[in-house]
Amino acid sequence: MLSKKMGRNGFMKLAMGGASGFVALLVATPVVGVFLSPLFNQPRDVWRDGGAVEDFVIGQTVRVNIKYNQGFSQSWAGDTQFTSAWVMRRGEADFVAFINYCTHLGCGVTWIPSACIYLCPCHGSVYNRDGTVAGGPAPRPLYKYEVRVRKGRLQIKTQQVPLVNV
C-alpha cells in the first residue's frame, strides 16, 4: 500500500526501480544458468554403435552416422539427432574416428579418397589422412572420437557438446 505522503516523484522512483530490477532479473537468469549448469548437468559419455568390424576394410575411410549425446532423446528431432564420423581402419583392431567438423568454424568436412585428404568446403581447410592440418585457416587438427571394439562391433564414444570450446 502506498503512503499518502508519497508524491509523483516518489512513485516514479519506485516504479522505475521495480522495472529496472525486473529487467536485471530477466538478463541475469540465463547468465547464472550458464555458469551453474555444469554443476548440475554433467556431460555423460555414451558409447554408440559404429557397425560390425568386418564391414570396415583395412586402410579405407568411411562415413559412419552416429547419434548425438544430448542427454535426452526426442522423437521429433528426426535426422538432427544424428551426426557422422570419418572412421579409418588402420589394422585388425586399430581404428581412428574423426569428428566430422572443421576446426576452423565447424563446417562438415568431406573425405576425398583419390587425394587422401579431408576438405572443408566452407573456407578451404585441408587435412591429411591422419587429421593433421595440411593447409587453410584451420587452427588445429581434426578432433578424434575415442573408439573401441566390443563383441565384433566398433563403438564410438560420444559426449554432450560443451558450451565453451577451450
N, C-alpha and C. Protein backbone atom coordinates (compact mmCIF):
# COMPACT_ATOMS: atom_id res chain seq x y z
N MET A 1 0.85 -1.17 0.00
CA MET A 1 0.00 0.00 0.00
C MET A 1 0.89 1.24 0.00
N LEU A 2 0.58 2.16 -0.86
CA LEU A 2 1.37 3.38 -0.97
C LEU A 2 1.02 4.33 0.17
N SER A 3 2.04 5.00 0.69
CA SER A 3 1.82 6.00 1.73
C SER A 3 1.15 7.21 1.11
N LYS A 4 0.30 7.88 1.90
CA LYS A 4 -0.40 9.07 1.39
C LYS A 4 0.56 10.22 1.15
N LYS A 5 1.73 10.18 1.80
CA LYS A 5 2.71 11.25 1.65
C LYS A 5 3.57 11.08 0.40
N MET A 6 3.47 9.90 -0.29
CA MET A 6 4.30 9.68 -1.47
C MET A 6 3.74 10.50 -2.62
N GLY A 7 4.62 11.28 -3.18
CA GLY A 7 4.21 12.13 -4.30
C GLY A 7 4.49 11.45 -5.63
N ARG A 8 4.33 12.24 -6.66
CA ARG A 8 4.56 11.74 -8.01
C ARG A 8 6.01 11.31 -8.21
N ASN A 9 6.96 12.07 -7.72
CA ASN A 9 8.38 11.72 -7.86
C ASN A 9 8.70 10.43 -7.13
N GLY A 10 8.19 10.25 -5.94
CA GLY A 10 8.44 9.03 -5.18
C GLY A 10 7.87 7.81 -5.88
N PHE A 11 6.66 7.99 -6.43
CA PHE A 11 6.03 6.87 -7.16
C PHE A 11 6.84 6.50 -8.39
N MET A 12 7.32 7.51 -9.12
CA MET A 12 8.10 7.24 -10.33
C MET A 12 9.42 6.54 -9.98
N LYS A 13 10.07 6.94 -8.89
CA LYS A 13 11.31 6.28 -8.45
C LYS A 13 11.03 4.82 -8.11
N LEU A 14 9.95 4.57 -7.41
CA LEU A 14 9.58 3.20 -7.04
C LEU A 14 9.27 2.37 -8.29
N ALA A 15 8.52 2.92 -9.23
CA ALA A 15 8.15 2.20 -10.45
C ALA A 15 9.38 1.91 -11.32
N MET A 16 10.25 2.91 -11.46
CA MET A 16 11.45 2.71 -12.29
C MET A 16 12.40 1.73 -11.62
N GLY A 17 12.52 1.78 -10.31
CA GLY A 17 13.37 0.83 -9.59
C GLY A 17 12.85 -0.59 -9.74
N GLY A 18 11.54 -0.76 -9.65
CA GLY A 18 10.94 -2.09 -9.81
C GLY A 18 11.12 -2.61 -11.23
N ALA A 19 10.91 -1.75 -12.22
CA ALA A 19 11.07 -2.15 -13.62
C ALA A 19 12.53 -2.50 -13.91
N SER A 20 13.47 -1.71 -13.38
CA SER A 20 14.89 -1.98 -13.59
C SER A 20 15.29 -3.30 -12.94
N GLY A 21 14.78 -3.55 -11.75
CA GLY A 21 15.06 -4.81 -11.07
C GLY A 21 14.53 -6.00 -11.85
N PHE A 22 13.33 -5.85 -12.42
CA PHE A 22 12.73 -6.93 -13.22
C PHE A 22 13.56 -7.21 -14.47
N VAL A 23 14.01 -6.18 -15.15
CA VAL A 23 14.84 -6.35 -16.35
C VAL A 23 16.17 -6.99 -15.97
N ALA A 24 16.77 -6.55 -14.86
CA ALA A 24 18.04 -7.13 -14.41
C ALA A 24 17.87 -8.62 -14.11
N LEU A 25 16.76 -8.99 -13.50
CA LEU A 25 16.48 -10.39 -13.21
C LEU A 25 16.33 -11.20 -14.49
N LEU A 26 15.64 -10.63 -15.50
CA LEU A 26 15.49 -11.31 -16.79
C LEU A 26 16.84 -11.56 -17.46
N VAL A 27 17.72 -10.59 -17.38
CA VAL A 27 19.03 -10.72 -18.01
C VAL A 27 19.93 -11.67 -17.21
N ALA A 28 19.88 -11.61 -15.90
CA ALA A 28 20.78 -12.39 -15.06
C ALA A 28 20.44 -13.87 -15.02
N THR A 29 19.17 -14.23 -15.17
CA THR A 29 18.77 -15.63 -15.03
C THR A 29 19.51 -16.56 -16.00
N PRO A 30 19.52 -16.29 -17.32
CA PRO A 30 20.25 -17.20 -18.21
C PRO A 30 21.76 -17.17 -17.99
N VAL A 31 22.30 -16.02 -17.62
CA VAL A 31 23.75 -15.93 -17.38
C VAL A 31 24.13 -16.79 -16.19
N VAL A 32 23.39 -16.70 -15.11
CA VAL A 32 23.66 -17.52 -13.93
C VAL A 32 23.47 -18.99 -14.28
N GLY A 33 22.45 -19.31 -15.09
CA GLY A 33 22.20 -20.69 -15.50
C GLY A 33 23.36 -21.29 -16.26
N VAL A 34 24.01 -20.50 -17.12
CA VAL A 34 25.16 -20.99 -17.89
C VAL A 34 26.30 -21.38 -16.95
N PHE A 35 26.53 -20.55 -15.94
CA PHE A 35 27.64 -20.83 -15.03
C PHE A 35 27.33 -21.95 -14.04
N LEU A 36 26.07 -22.13 -13.69
CA LEU A 36 25.73 -23.17 -12.72
C LEU A 36 25.40 -24.51 -13.36
N SER A 37 25.05 -24.53 -14.64
CA SER A 37 24.63 -25.78 -15.29
C SER A 37 25.68 -26.88 -15.25
N PRO A 38 26.99 -26.60 -15.37
CA PRO A 38 27.96 -27.70 -15.26
C PRO A 38 27.92 -28.41 -13.90
N LEU A 39 27.50 -27.71 -12.87
CA LEU A 39 27.43 -28.33 -11.55
C LEU A 39 26.32 -29.36 -11.46
N PHE A 40 25.24 -29.13 -12.20
CA PHE A 40 24.07 -29.99 -12.09
C PHE A 40 23.86 -30.89 -13.30
N ASN A 41 24.46 -30.54 -14.42
CA ASN A 41 24.22 -31.28 -15.65
C ASN A 41 25.55 -31.73 -16.25
N GLN A 42 26.20 -32.69 -15.61
CA GLN A 42 27.48 -33.19 -16.08
C GLN A 42 27.28 -33.97 -17.39
N PRO A 43 28.14 -33.71 -18.39
CA PRO A 43 28.03 -34.48 -19.64
C PRO A 43 28.24 -35.96 -19.37
N ARG A 44 27.39 -36.75 -19.97
CA ARG A 44 27.52 -38.20 -19.85
C ARG A 44 28.11 -38.75 -21.14
N ASP A 45 29.12 -39.58 -20.99
CA ASP A 45 29.72 -40.23 -22.15
C ASP A 45 28.87 -41.43 -22.51
N VAL A 46 28.64 -41.60 -23.80
CA VAL A 46 27.83 -42.72 -24.28
C VAL A 46 28.58 -43.39 -25.43
N TRP A 47 28.69 -44.71 -25.36
CA TRP A 47 29.30 -45.47 -26.46
C TRP A 47 28.21 -45.77 -27.48
N ARG A 48 28.41 -45.32 -28.72
CA ARG A 48 27.46 -45.53 -29.81
C ARG A 48 28.00 -46.61 -30.75
N ASP A 49 27.10 -47.39 -31.31
CA ASP A 49 27.48 -48.45 -32.24
C ASP A 49 27.88 -47.84 -33.58
N GLY A 50 29.06 -48.23 -34.08
CA GLY A 50 29.54 -47.75 -35.37
C GLY A 50 29.43 -48.76 -36.49
N GLY A 51 29.12 -50.01 -36.13
CA GLY A 51 28.97 -51.05 -37.13
C GLY A 51 29.84 -52.26 -36.84
N ALA A 52 29.62 -53.29 -37.63
CA ALA A 52 30.38 -54.53 -37.47
C ALA A 52 31.81 -54.32 -37.95
N VAL A 53 32.77 -54.86 -37.21
CA VAL A 53 34.19 -54.70 -37.55
C VAL A 53 34.47 -55.23 -38.95
N GLU A 54 33.86 -56.35 -39.32
CA GLU A 54 34.14 -56.94 -40.64
C GLU A 54 33.64 -56.07 -41.80
N ASP A 55 32.81 -55.07 -41.53
CA ASP A 55 32.33 -54.17 -42.58
C ASP A 55 33.37 -53.11 -42.95
N PHE A 56 34.41 -52.98 -42.14
CA PHE A 56 35.44 -51.98 -42.39
C PHE A 56 36.65 -52.64 -43.04
N VAL A 57 37.14 -52.05 -44.13
CA VAL A 57 38.30 -52.57 -44.85
C VAL A 57 39.54 -51.85 -44.33
N ILE A 58 40.60 -52.62 -44.05
CA ILE A 58 41.85 -52.02 -43.55
C ILE A 58 42.37 -51.04 -44.59
N GLY A 59 42.71 -49.83 -44.11
CA GLY A 59 43.24 -48.77 -44.98
C GLY A 59 42.18 -47.90 -45.62
N GLN A 60 40.91 -48.19 -45.41
CA GLN A 60 39.83 -47.43 -46.05
C GLN A 60 39.13 -46.54 -45.03
N THR A 61 38.69 -45.36 -45.47
CA THR A 61 37.97 -44.41 -44.63
C THR A 61 36.53 -44.34 -45.08
N VAL A 62 35.61 -44.47 -44.13
CA VAL A 62 34.17 -44.41 -44.45
C VAL A 62 33.46 -43.50 -43.44
N ARG A 63 32.33 -42.99 -43.88
CA ARG A 63 31.50 -42.16 -43.01
C ARG A 63 30.53 -43.04 -42.24
N VAL A 64 30.46 -42.81 -40.93
CA VAL A 64 29.57 -43.57 -40.07
C VAL A 64 28.63 -42.59 -39.37
N ASN A 65 27.32 -42.84 -39.47
CA ASN A 65 26.35 -41.99 -38.78
C ASN A 65 26.18 -42.47 -37.35
N ILE A 66 26.23 -41.52 -36.42
CA ILE A 66 26.05 -41.84 -35.00
C ILE A 66 25.10 -40.81 -34.39
N LYS A 67 24.49 -41.21 -33.31
CA LYS A 67 23.53 -40.34 -32.64
C LYS A 67 24.28 -39.41 -31.68
N TYR A 68 23.88 -38.13 -31.69
CA TYR A 68 24.42 -37.19 -30.72
C TYR A 68 24.10 -37.65 -29.31
N ASN A 69 24.92 -37.27 -28.37
CA ASN A 69 24.61 -37.49 -26.96
C ASN A 69 24.08 -36.18 -26.41
N GLN A 70 22.76 -36.03 -26.44
CA GLN A 70 22.14 -34.79 -25.98
C GLN A 70 21.62 -34.91 -24.56
N GLY A 71 21.76 -36.07 -23.95
CA GLY A 71 21.25 -36.24 -22.62
C GLY A 71 19.76 -36.56 -22.60
N PHE A 72 19.14 -36.51 -23.76
CA PHE A 72 17.72 -36.85 -23.87
C PHE A 72 17.46 -37.31 -25.29
N SER A 73 16.36 -37.96 -25.50
CA SER A 73 16.01 -38.42 -26.83
C SER A 73 14.61 -37.91 -27.16
N GLN A 74 14.51 -37.20 -28.24
CA GLN A 74 13.22 -36.66 -28.66
C GLN A 74 12.86 -37.24 -30.02
N SER A 75 11.69 -37.83 -30.10
CA SER A 75 11.28 -38.46 -31.35
C SER A 75 11.10 -37.42 -32.47
N TRP A 76 10.76 -36.19 -32.11
CA TRP A 76 10.52 -35.17 -33.12
C TRP A 76 11.82 -34.63 -33.72
N ALA A 77 12.99 -34.95 -33.14
CA ALA A 77 14.26 -34.39 -33.60
C ALA A 77 14.66 -34.93 -34.98
N GLY A 78 14.18 -36.12 -35.35
CA GLY A 78 14.47 -36.67 -36.67
C GLY A 78 15.96 -36.79 -36.94
N ASP A 79 16.39 -36.40 -38.15
CA ASP A 79 17.79 -36.51 -38.55
C ASP A 79 18.72 -35.59 -37.79
N THR A 80 18.17 -34.55 -37.14
CA THR A 80 19.04 -33.61 -36.43
C THR A 80 19.66 -34.21 -35.18
N GLN A 81 19.19 -35.37 -34.75
CA GLN A 81 19.80 -36.01 -33.58
C GLN A 81 20.99 -36.89 -33.96
N PHE A 82 21.37 -36.85 -35.24
CA PHE A 82 22.50 -37.65 -35.72
C PHE A 82 23.61 -36.76 -36.26
N THR A 83 24.81 -37.26 -36.14
CA THR A 83 25.98 -36.64 -36.75
C THR A 83 26.76 -37.76 -37.43
N SER A 84 27.93 -37.46 -37.92
CA SER A 84 28.72 -38.52 -38.55
C SER A 84 30.17 -38.39 -38.12
N ALA A 85 30.88 -39.47 -38.32
CA ALA A 85 32.32 -39.52 -38.05
C ALA A 85 32.98 -40.18 -39.25
N TRP A 86 34.22 -39.77 -39.51
CA TRP A 86 35.02 -40.43 -40.54
C TRP A 86 35.86 -41.48 -39.84
N VAL A 87 35.61 -42.74 -40.15
CA VAL A 87 36.28 -43.87 -39.49
C VAL A 87 37.25 -44.52 -40.47
N MET A 88 38.50 -44.68 -40.01
CA MET A 88 39.50 -45.37 -40.81
C MET A 88 39.99 -46.58 -40.02
N ARG A 89 39.99 -47.72 -40.69
CA ARG A 89 40.53 -48.93 -40.06
C ARG A 89 41.99 -49.03 -40.46
N ARG A 90 42.87 -48.96 -39.45
CA ARG A 90 44.31 -48.99 -39.70
C ARG A 90 44.91 -50.38 -39.53
N GLY A 91 44.20 -51.28 -38.86
CA GLY A 91 44.70 -52.63 -38.62
C GLY A 91 43.55 -53.52 -38.16
N GLU A 92 43.88 -54.74 -37.74
CA GLU A 92 42.85 -55.69 -37.33
C GLU A 92 41.88 -55.10 -36.32
N ALA A 93 42.41 -54.51 -35.26
CA ALA A 93 41.56 -53.92 -34.22
C ALA A 93 41.97 -52.48 -33.96
N ASP A 94 42.55 -51.83 -34.98
CA ASP A 94 43.05 -50.46 -34.84
C ASP A 94 42.22 -49.52 -35.70
N PHE A 95 41.42 -48.68 -35.04
CA PHE A 95 40.54 -47.74 -35.73
C PHE A 95 40.82 -46.33 -35.24
N VAL A 96 40.54 -45.36 -36.10
CA VAL A 96 40.54 -43.96 -35.70
C VAL A 96 39.25 -43.36 -36.25
N ALA A 97 38.62 -42.51 -35.43
CA ALA A 97 37.37 -41.85 -35.84
C ALA A 97 37.52 -40.35 -35.63
N PHE A 98 37.38 -39.61 -36.72
CA PHE A 98 37.48 -38.15 -36.67
C PHE A 98 36.09 -37.54 -36.61
N ILE A 99 35.94 -36.53 -35.77
CA ILE A 99 34.69 -35.78 -35.73
C ILE A 99 34.55 -35.05 -37.06
N ASN A 100 33.36 -35.07 -37.61
CA ASN A 100 33.13 -34.54 -38.95
C ASN A 100 32.94 -33.02 -38.97
N TYR A 101 33.77 -32.29 -38.24
CA TYR A 101 33.66 -30.84 -38.24
C TYR A 101 35.03 -30.21 -38.38
N CYS A 102 35.11 -29.20 -39.22
CA CYS A 102 36.34 -28.44 -39.40
C CYS A 102 36.64 -27.69 -38.11
N THR A 103 37.91 -27.63 -37.73
CA THR A 103 38.29 -26.94 -36.51
C THR A 103 38.35 -25.42 -36.69
N HIS A 104 38.09 -24.95 -37.91
CA HIS A 104 38.08 -23.51 -38.14
C HIS A 104 36.76 -22.92 -37.68
N LEU A 105 35.67 -23.27 -38.34
CA LEU A 105 34.36 -22.74 -37.96
C LEU A 105 33.27 -23.81 -37.88
N GLY A 106 33.64 -25.07 -37.91
CA GLY A 106 32.67 -26.13 -37.67
C GLY A 106 31.91 -26.64 -38.88
N CYS A 107 32.31 -26.32 -40.08
CA CYS A 107 31.65 -26.87 -41.26
C CYS A 107 31.98 -28.37 -41.37
N GLY A 108 31.11 -29.12 -42.01
CA GLY A 108 31.37 -30.55 -42.21
C GLY A 108 32.47 -30.77 -43.23
N VAL A 109 33.41 -31.64 -42.91
CA VAL A 109 34.49 -31.94 -43.84
C VAL A 109 34.13 -33.16 -44.68
N THR A 110 34.73 -33.24 -45.86
CA THR A 110 34.49 -34.33 -46.80
C THR A 110 35.79 -35.08 -47.04
N TRP A 111 35.70 -36.41 -47.05
CA TRP A 111 36.86 -37.25 -47.34
C TRP A 111 36.98 -37.37 -48.85
N ILE A 112 38.16 -37.05 -49.39
CA ILE A 112 38.44 -37.18 -50.82
C ILE A 112 39.41 -38.35 -50.98
N PRO A 113 38.90 -39.57 -51.30
CA PRO A 113 39.76 -40.75 -51.33
C PRO A 113 40.88 -40.67 -52.37
N SER A 114 40.63 -40.05 -53.52
CA SER A 114 41.67 -40.02 -54.56
C SER A 114 42.89 -39.20 -54.13
N ALA A 115 42.69 -38.20 -53.25
CA ALA A 115 43.80 -37.37 -52.78
C ALA A 115 44.22 -37.70 -51.35
N CYS A 116 43.46 -38.59 -50.70
CA CYS A 116 43.71 -38.96 -49.30
C CYS A 116 43.73 -37.75 -48.38
N ILE A 117 42.73 -36.86 -48.55
CA ILE A 117 42.61 -35.67 -47.71
C ILE A 117 41.16 -35.47 -47.28
N TYR A 118 41.01 -34.72 -46.19
CA TYR A 118 39.70 -34.22 -45.77
C TYR A 118 39.67 -32.77 -46.20
N LEU A 119 38.55 -32.35 -46.77
CA LEU A 119 38.43 -30.99 -47.31
C LEU A 119 37.22 -30.30 -46.70
N CYS A 120 37.42 -29.07 -46.25
CA CYS A 120 36.31 -28.26 -45.74
C CYS A 120 35.83 -27.37 -46.88
N PRO A 121 34.56 -27.51 -47.28
CA PRO A 121 34.06 -26.74 -48.41
C PRO A 121 33.80 -25.27 -48.08
N CYS A 122 33.75 -24.90 -46.82
CA CYS A 122 33.41 -23.52 -46.46
C CYS A 122 34.55 -22.54 -46.69
N HIS A 123 35.74 -22.84 -46.18
CA HIS A 123 36.85 -21.91 -46.28
C HIS A 123 38.14 -22.55 -46.78
N GLY A 124 38.05 -23.80 -47.25
CA GLY A 124 39.18 -24.43 -47.91
C GLY A 124 40.22 -25.08 -47.03
N SER A 125 39.91 -25.30 -45.76
CA SER A 125 40.88 -26.02 -44.92
C SER A 125 41.07 -27.43 -45.47
N VAL A 126 42.31 -27.91 -45.41
CA VAL A 126 42.66 -29.24 -45.90
C VAL A 126 43.35 -29.99 -44.77
N TYR A 127 42.95 -31.24 -44.58
CA TYR A 127 43.53 -32.09 -43.54
C TYR A 127 44.11 -33.33 -44.18
N ASN A 128 45.25 -33.78 -43.65
CA ASN A 128 45.87 -35.02 -44.11
C ASN A 128 45.06 -36.22 -43.64
N ARG A 129 45.41 -37.38 -44.13
CA ARG A 129 44.73 -38.64 -43.77
C ARG A 129 44.72 -38.88 -42.27
N ASP A 130 45.77 -38.42 -41.56
CA ASP A 130 45.84 -38.61 -40.11
C ASP A 130 45.17 -37.48 -39.32
N GLY A 131 44.48 -36.57 -40.02
CA GLY A 131 43.74 -35.49 -39.37
C GLY A 131 44.53 -34.23 -39.12
N THR A 132 45.84 -34.24 -39.40
CA THR A 132 46.65 -33.03 -39.21
C THR A 132 46.34 -32.01 -40.30
N VAL A 133 46.58 -30.75 -39.99
CA VAL A 133 46.28 -29.67 -40.94
C VAL A 133 47.31 -29.66 -42.06
N ALA A 134 46.82 -29.69 -43.30
CA ALA A 134 47.70 -29.59 -44.47
C ALA A 134 47.71 -28.18 -45.02
N GLY A 135 46.63 -27.42 -44.80
CA GLY A 135 46.55 -26.05 -45.28
C GLY A 135 45.21 -25.42 -44.97
N GLY A 136 45.18 -24.11 -45.11
CA GLY A 136 43.94 -23.39 -44.88
C GLY A 136 43.90 -22.71 -43.54
N PRO A 137 42.75 -22.15 -43.21
CA PRO A 137 42.66 -21.40 -41.95
C PRO A 137 42.45 -22.26 -40.70
N ALA A 138 42.34 -23.58 -40.83
CA ALA A 138 42.10 -24.44 -39.66
C ALA A 138 43.23 -24.27 -38.65
N PRO A 139 42.89 -24.00 -37.37
CA PRO A 139 43.92 -23.74 -36.37
C PRO A 139 44.51 -25.00 -35.72
N ARG A 140 43.84 -26.14 -35.86
CA ARG A 140 44.30 -27.37 -35.19
C ARG A 140 43.82 -28.59 -35.97
N PRO A 141 44.37 -29.76 -35.67
CA PRO A 141 43.94 -30.99 -36.35
C PRO A 141 42.48 -31.32 -36.08
N LEU A 142 41.94 -32.24 -36.87
CA LEU A 142 40.58 -32.72 -36.63
C LEU A 142 40.50 -33.37 -35.25
N TYR A 143 39.40 -33.15 -34.57
CA TYR A 143 39.19 -33.79 -33.27
C TYR A 143 38.87 -35.26 -33.49
N LYS A 144 39.26 -36.08 -32.52
CA LYS A 144 39.02 -37.52 -32.62
C LYS A 144 38.01 -37.98 -31.58
N TYR A 145 37.22 -38.96 -31.97
CA TYR A 145 36.38 -39.68 -31.02
C TYR A 145 37.21 -40.82 -30.44
N GLU A 146 36.93 -41.18 -29.21
CA GLU A 146 37.52 -42.38 -28.64
C GLU A 146 36.77 -43.58 -29.22
N VAL A 147 37.48 -44.63 -29.60
CA VAL A 147 36.86 -45.81 -30.19
C VAL A 147 37.31 -47.07 -29.45
N ARG A 148 36.50 -48.11 -29.57
CA ARG A 148 36.84 -49.42 -29.02
C ARG A 148 36.09 -50.49 -29.80
N VAL A 149 36.55 -51.73 -29.67
CA VAL A 149 35.87 -52.86 -30.31
C VAL A 149 35.34 -53.75 -29.20
N ARG A 150 34.04 -54.05 -29.25
CA ARG A 150 33.38 -54.92 -28.28
C ARG A 150 32.49 -55.90 -29.02
N LYS A 151 32.72 -57.18 -28.80
CA LYS A 151 31.89 -58.24 -29.38
C LYS A 151 31.75 -58.09 -30.89
N GLY A 152 32.86 -57.78 -31.55
CA GLY A 152 32.86 -57.68 -33.01
C GLY A 152 32.22 -56.42 -33.57
N ARG A 153 31.95 -55.45 -32.71
CA ARG A 153 31.33 -54.19 -33.14
C ARG A 153 32.24 -53.03 -32.79
N LEU A 154 32.33 -52.06 -33.70
CA LEU A 154 33.05 -50.83 -33.42
C LEU A 154 32.14 -49.93 -32.61
N GLN A 155 32.67 -49.36 -31.53
CA GLN A 155 31.91 -48.42 -30.71
C GLN A 155 32.65 -47.10 -30.67
N ILE A 156 31.86 -46.01 -30.75
CA ILE A 156 32.39 -44.65 -30.76
C ILE A 156 31.84 -43.91 -29.55
N LYS A 157 32.74 -43.32 -28.78
CA LYS A 157 32.33 -42.63 -27.55
C LYS A 157 31.93 -41.19 -27.85
N THR A 158 30.69 -40.87 -27.54
CA THR A 158 30.20 -39.51 -27.74
C THR A 158 29.96 -38.87 -26.38
N GLN A 159 29.89 -37.55 -26.37
CA GLN A 159 29.58 -36.83 -25.16
C GLN A 159 28.78 -35.60 -25.52
N GLN A 160 28.16 -35.00 -24.52
CA GLN A 160 27.38 -33.81 -24.78
C GLN A 160 28.30 -32.70 -25.27
N VAL A 161 27.78 -31.85 -26.15
CA VAL A 161 28.56 -30.77 -26.70
C VAL A 161 28.77 -29.72 -25.61
N PRO A 162 30.02 -29.33 -25.32
CA PRO A 162 30.25 -28.33 -24.27
C PRO A 162 29.83 -26.94 -24.73
N LEU A 163 29.50 -26.08 -23.77
CA LEU A 163 29.11 -24.71 -24.09
C LEU A 163 30.30 -23.90 -24.59
N VAL A 164 31.46 -24.15 -24.03
CA VAL A 164 32.65 -23.39 -24.38
C VAL A 164 33.73 -24.35 -24.85
N ASN A 165 34.34 -24.06 -25.99
CA ASN A 165 35.43 -24.88 -26.51
C ASN A 165 36.74 -24.27 -26.05
N VAL A 166 37.42 -24.98 -25.16
CA VAL A 166 38.67 -24.44 -24.60
C VAL A 166 39.86 -24.98 -25.36
